[in-house]
């Protein structure tokens, strides 16, 4: 029997809301404290990876070495600054088409989940007033392995009670697209086509999609 689309898993940052600029501001501020400049180009390397891996990349950019205890303190400092920024989020920051697509999917009985590496996903969803829009929320506090490991998507599908081939993933990061592929899930990239070539298709934002288009992409 052919699989039928029954669920959608959304990355959060860059798909539902753009918090990337707040991550960048916090990392840039941390680099400044450490005495070097961290640019937007440098920041591209941090998309879709965990906080500690991001810190390792930042330190390598500045040719700085720190022991584990020092890195833990730096990660906490960066996160405190980041939380300062995201506490200012409102529903007006939701990216175009997100709410409309979630509403349409639910009207067709499609389950929706968040699959995010962010440990602050619940705070962000609360600020955006989107928590009740999702049947399942898997964030960075619930996984052991960061993308491109597929763990976050695997857990989301399991908690929705669906097979991996019954869901579509929405991702803006190369690591996330790879993670979806490793899980055996079809993936729609959100962002630049040249960066997300492994995705089944790429859109600028969710306003370009609706239920009918998803069914076509899923079946292709």
Protein backbone atom coordinates (compact mmCIF):
# COMPACT_ATOMS: atom_id res chain seq x y z
CA UNK A 1 0.00 0.00 0.00
CA UNK A 2 1.34 3.41 -0.95
CA UNK A 3 2.18 5.76 1.93
CA UNK A 4 -0.11 8.74 2.51
CA UNK A 5 0.95 12.13 3.88
CA UNK A 6 -0.18 12.24 7.50
CA UNK A 7 2.24 14.60 9.23
CA UNK A 8 4.55 17.59 8.86
CA UNK A 9 7.61 18.39 10.96
CA UNK A 10 8.79 21.98 11.05
CA UNK A 11 12.17 23.28 12.07
CA UNK A 12 11.58 26.47 14.04
CA UNK A 13 14.36 28.99 13.43
CA UNK A 14 14.32 30.14 9.82
CA UNK A 15 11.09 28.32 8.97
CA UNK A 16 8.41 29.53 11.39
CA UNK A 17 10.29 32.53 12.78
CA UNK A 18 13.57 34.25 12.00
CA UNK A 19 15.59 34.19 15.20
CA UNK A 20 18.84 33.76 13.31
CA UNK A 21 19.60 37.46 13.65
CA UNK A 22 19.35 37.17 17.44
CA UNK A 23 21.70 34.19 17.47
CA UNK A 24 24.13 36.18 15.35
CA UNK A 25 23.94 39.23 17.62
CA UNK A 26 24.62 37.08 20.68
CA UNK A 27 27.53 35.21 19.05
CA UNK A 28 28.97 38.48 17.72
CA UNK A 29 28.75 39.99 21.20
CA UNK A 30 30.54 36.97 22.67
CA UNK A 31 33.29 37.16 20.04
CA UNK A 32 33.71 40.85 20.84
CA UNK A 33 34.16 39.99 24.51
CA UNK A 34 36.84 37.50 23.48
CA UNK A 35 38.61 40.12 21.37
CA UNK A 36 37.85 39.22 17.77
CA UNK A 37 35.29 40.00 15.09
CA UNK A 38 32.61 37.50 14.08
CA UNK A 39 30.95 38.29 10.76
CA UNK A 40 27.67 37.27 9.14
CA UNK A 41 29.70 35.11 6.75
CA UNK A 42 31.27 33.31 9.72
CA UNK A 43 27.80 32.87 11.16
CA UNK A 44 26.67 30.83 8.14
CA UNK A 45 28.66 27.90 9.55
CA UNK A 46 26.47 27.82 12.66
CA UNK A 47 23.11 27.22 10.96
CA UNK A 48 21.37 24.06 12.09
CA UNK A 49 24.05 22.92 14.54
CA UNK A 50 23.98 22.66 18.33
CA UNK A 51 24.99 25.41 20.73
CA UNK A 52 28.23 23.73 21.84
CA UNK A 53 29.24 22.87 18.28
CA UNK A 54 28.52 26.49 17.34
CA UNK A 55 30.74 27.66 20.19
CA UNK A 56 33.55 25.38 19.00
CA UNK A 57 33.27 26.88 15.50
CA UNK A 58 33.29 30.42 16.91
CA UNK A 59 36.35 29.74 19.06
CA UNK A 60 38.14 28.18 16.10
CA UNK A 61 37.34 31.32 14.07
CA UNK A 62 39.13 33.39 16.72
CA UNK A 63 41.95 30.83 17.15
CA UNK A 64 41.00 30.52 20.81
CA UNK A 65 41.18 27.39 22.94
CA UNK A 66 39.16 26.90 26.12
CA UNK A 67 38.69 23.99 28.51
CA UNK A 68 35.26 22.42 29.02
CA UNK A 69 34.39 24.47 32.10
CA UNK A 70 35.24 27.74 30.34
CA UNK A 71 33.24 26.70 27.27
CA UNK A 72 30.24 25.88 29.42
CA UNK A 73 30.39 29.36 30.96
CA UNK A 74 30.66 31.00 27.53
CA UNK A 75 27.70 28.99 26.21
CA UNK A 76 25.58 30.09 29.18
CA UNK A 77 26.57 33.73 28.66
CA UNK A 78 25.66 33.58 24.96
CA UNK A 79 22.33 31.96 25.73
CA UNK A 80 21.47 34.59 28.34
CA UNK A 81 22.03 37.32 25.76
CA UNK A 82 20.02 35.40 23.16
CA UNK A 83 17.10 34.99 25.59
CA UNK A 84 17.19 38.75 26.23
CA UNK A 85 16.58 39.25 22.51
CA UNK A 86 13.90 36.59 21.98
CA UNK A 87 11.85 37.74 24.95
CA UNK A 88 10.95 40.68 22.71
CA UNK A 89 9.36 38.41 20.08
CA UNK A 90 5.65 38.82 19.31
CA UNK A 91 3.23 37.07 16.89
CA UNK A 92 4.15 39.81 14.40
CA UNK A 93 7.52 38.06 14.02
CA UNK A 94 5.99 34.85 12.63
CA UNK A 95 7.23 34.32 9.08
CA UNK A 96 4.76 34.72 6.16
CA UNK A 97 2.38 31.85 5.48
CA UNK A 98 3.19 29.88 8.63
CA UNK A 99 -0.08 30.25 10.51
CA UNK A 100 -2.16 29.86 7.36
CA UNK A 101 -0.39 26.63 6.40
CA UNK A 102 -0.70 25.17 9.90
CA UNK A 103 -4.42 25.94 9.93
CA UNK A 104 -4.96 24.35 6.52
CA UNK A 105 -3.00 21.25 7.44
CA UNK A 106 -5.00 20.75 10.61
CA UNK A 107 -8.25 21.19 8.64
CA UNK A 108 -7.17 18.23 6.52
CA UNK A 109 -6.27 16.08 9.52
CA UNK A 110 -2.51 16.44 9.06
CA UNK A 111 -0.57 16.30 12.32
CA UNK A 112 2.06 18.99 12.87
CA UNK A 113 5.25 18.88 14.94
CA UNK A 114 8.22 21.07 15.73
CA UNK A 115 11.62 19.40 15.32
CA UNK A 116 14.19 21.95 16.48
CA UNK A 117 17.73 21.87 17.84
CA UNK A 118 16.92 24.94 19.93
CA UNK A 119 16.76 24.52 23.70
CA UNK A 120 14.68 27.69 23.74
CA UNK A 121 11.97 26.43 21.37
CA UNK A 122 9.24 26.42 24.03
CA UNK A 123 9.98 30.02 25.02
CA UNK A 124 9.92 31.10 21.36
CA UNK A 125 6.62 29.29 20.68
CA UNK A 126 5.09 30.84 23.80
CA UNK A 127 6.17 34.33 22.74
CA UNK A 128 4.68 33.72 19.28
CA UNK A 129 1.52 32.16 20.78
CA UNK A 130 1.97 29.09 18.61
CA UNK A 131 2.35 26.35 21.21
CA UNK A 132 -1.16 24.97 20.71
CA UNK A 133 -0.71 24.85 16.93
CA UNK A 134 1.51 21.77 17.21
CA UNK A 135 0.61 18.22 18.20
CA UNK A 136 4.19 17.39 19.14
CA UNK A 137 7.19 19.55 20.10
CA UNK A 138 10.68 18.06 20.08
CA UNK A 139 13.44 20.53 20.97
CA UNK A 140 17.09 20.55 21.96
CA UNK A 141 16.29 19.58 25.55
CA UNK A 142 14.94 16.23 24.38
CA UNK A 143 17.63 14.97 22.01
CA UNK A 144 21.16 13.71 22.50
CA UNK A 145 22.46 14.17 18.95
CA UNK A 146 22.34 17.35 16.88
CA UNK A 147 21.47 17.50 13.19
CA UNK A 148 22.54 16.08 10.74
CA UNK A 149 21.75 13.18 13.06
CA UNK A 150 18.05 12.42 12.39
CA UNK A 151 17.13 11.89 16.07
CA UNK A 152 14.93 15.00 16.41
CA UNK A 153 12.82 14.05 13.38
CA UNK A 154 12.65 10.39 14.34
CA UNK A 155 11.32 11.30 17.79
CA UNK A 156 8.77 13.73 16.31
CA UNK A 157 7.41 11.09 13.91
CA UNK A 158 7.23 8.49 16.67
CA UNK A 159 5.35 10.82 19.00
CA UNK A 160 2.89 11.62 16.22
CA UNK A 161 2.45 7.88 15.80
CA UNK A 162 3.54 8.01 12.16
CA UNK A 163 5.95 6.14 9.93
CA UNK A 164 8.92 8.07 8.58
CA UNK A 165 7.57 7.87 5.03
CA UNK A 166 4.29 9.46 6.11
CA UNK A 167 5.77 12.88 6.93
CA UNK A 168 7.34 15.87 5.25
CA UNK A 169 10.05 17.92 6.96
CA UNK A 170 10.50 21.69 6.51
CA UNK A 171 14.09 22.88 6.96
CA UNK A 172 16.23 25.95 6.29
CA UNK A 173 19.64 24.42 7.11
CA UNK A 174 21.81 22.00 5.17
CA UNK A 175 22.32 19.90 8.31
CA UNK A 176 18.55 19.67 8.75
CA UNK A 177 17.92 18.63 5.16
CA UNK A 178 20.58 15.94 5.56
CA UNK A 179 18.99 14.79 8.82
CA UNK A 180 15.61 14.40 7.14
CA UNK A 181 17.22 12.38 4.35
CA UNK A 182 18.92 10.11 6.86
CA UNK A 183 15.54 9.50 8.48
CA UNK A 184 14.02 8.55 5.13
CA UNK A 185 11.75 11.59 5.13
CA UNK A 186 10.98 13.89 2.22
CA UNK A 187 12.17 17.43 2.89
CA UNK A 188 11.13 20.88 1.69
CA UNK A 189 13.88 23.48 1.94
CA UNK A 190 13.05 27.00 3.07
CA UNK A 191 15.61 29.50 1.85
CA UNK A 192 18.12 29.58 -0.99
CA UNK A 193 17.98 26.76 -3.59
CA UNK A 194 21.75 26.74 -4.10
CA UNK A 195 22.29 25.97 -0.41
CA UNK A 196 19.52 23.37 -0.07
CA UNK A 197 20.06 21.24 -3.17
CA UNK A 198 19.36 17.99 -1.30
CA UNK A 199 15.75 19.05 -0.58
CA UNK A 200 12.87 17.76 -2.73
CA UNK A 201 11.97 21.37 -3.50
CA UNK A 202 12.86 24.79 -2.10
CA UNK A 203 10.60 27.75 -1.30
CA UNK A 204 11.35 31.24 -0.06
CA UNK A 205 8.82 30.92 2.76
CA UNK A 206 5.73 28.93 3.70
CA UNK A 207 3.38 31.35 1.93
CA UNK A 208 4.35 29.55 -1.30
CA UNK A 209 2.78 26.32 -0.06
CA UNK A 210 -0.67 24.91 0.59
CA UNK A 211 -2.16 21.47 1.18
CA UNK A 212 -2.61 20.68 -2.53
CA UNK A 213 0.99 21.59 -3.36
CA UNK A 214 2.29 19.51 -0.46
CA UNK A 215 0.37 16.47 -1.68
CA UNK A 216 1.96 16.89 -5.14
CA UNK A 217 5.46 17.29 -3.67
CA UNK A 218 4.93 14.33 -1.37
CA UNK A 219 3.81 12.11 -4.23
CA UNK A 220 6.53 13.13 -6.66
